[in-house]
Amino acid sequence: MRNSAEFWNRICWVGCLYGYAKAVLRFGEKAVTLDPDNKSYQHNRGLARVLTGDL
C-alpha cells in the first residue's frame, strides 16, 4: 500500500487537516498522477491547492 494512490492521498488529506497543506501538496499530486480518474483524490489535492493559495 505504501506506493499506492490511496496512501499518498491519505497523507495529503491528513496534512491539510493539520495545517500542513504546503508540505503535503506534492503527495496529493502524486495520488492524482497514479489514479487520475479518482474524484476523491482530485478533491483532496484541490483542498491543498486552495489552502496554499494555488487557485
Protein backbone atom coordinates (compact mmCIF):
# COMPACT_ATOMS: atom_id res chain seq x y z
CA MET A 1 0.00 0.00 0.00
CA ARG A 2 2.92 2.36 0.57
CA ASN A 3 3.24 3.35 -3.09
CA SER A 4 -0.48 3.35 -3.77
CA ALA A 5 -2.51 6.39 -4.71
CA GLU A 6 -4.62 5.82 -1.60
CA PHE A 7 -1.55 6.06 0.64
CA TRP A 8 -0.43 9.38 -0.86
CA ASN A 9 -3.97 10.72 -0.80
CA ARG A 10 -4.33 9.97 2.90
CA ILE A 11 -1.12 11.82 3.67
CA CYS A 12 -2.39 14.79 1.69
CA TRP A 13 -5.78 14.79 3.43
CA VAL A 14 -4.43 14.48 6.98
CA GLY A 15 -1.72 17.05 6.29
CA CYS A 16 -4.37 19.52 5.14
CA LEU A 17 -6.44 18.90 8.25
CA TYR A 18 -3.47 19.61 10.48
CA GLY A 19 -2.27 22.75 8.71
CA TYR A 20 0.49 21.29 6.53
CA ALA A 21 -1.09 21.82 3.11
CA LYS A 22 2.06 23.28 1.59
CA ALA A 23 4.13 20.31 2.74
CA VAL A 24 1.67 17.67 1.52
CA LEU A 25 0.55 19.17 -1.79
CA ARG A 26 3.13 17.07 -3.63
CA PHE A 27 1.57 13.92 -2.17
CA GLY A 28 -1.82 14.97 -3.48
CA GLU A 29 -0.25 15.49 -6.88
CA LYS A 30 1.30 12.02 -6.71
CA ALA A 31 -2.04 10.41 -5.81
CA VAL A 32 -3.75 12.06 -8.77
CA THR A 33 -0.90 11.07 -11.07
CA LEU A 34 -1.28 7.44 -10.02
CA ASP A 35 -5.09 7.45 -10.31
CA PRO A 36 -6.17 10.46 -12.39
CA ASP A 37 -9.85 9.46 -12.56
CA ASN A 38 -10.42 9.29 -8.80
CA LYS A 39 -12.53 12.30 -7.84
CA SER A 40 -11.70 11.95 -4.15
CA TYR A 41 -8.00 12.31 -4.86
CA GLN A 42 -8.68 15.32 -7.08
CA HIS A 43 -10.77 16.85 -4.29
CA ASN A 44 -8.06 16.47 -1.66
CA ARG A 45 -5.39 17.83 -3.99
CA GLY A 46 -7.73 20.76 -4.67
CA LEU A 47 -8.11 21.37 -0.96
CA ALA A 48 -4.34 21.50 -0.57
CA ARG A 49 -4.12 23.90 -3.51
CA VAL A 50 -6.76 26.23 -2.08
CA LEU A 51 -5.12 26.22 1.33
CA THR A 52 -1.80 27.20 -0.23
CA GLY A 53 -3.35 29.93 -2.39
CA ASP A 54 -2.99 28.00 -5.67
CA LEU A 55 -6.36 28.83 -7.16
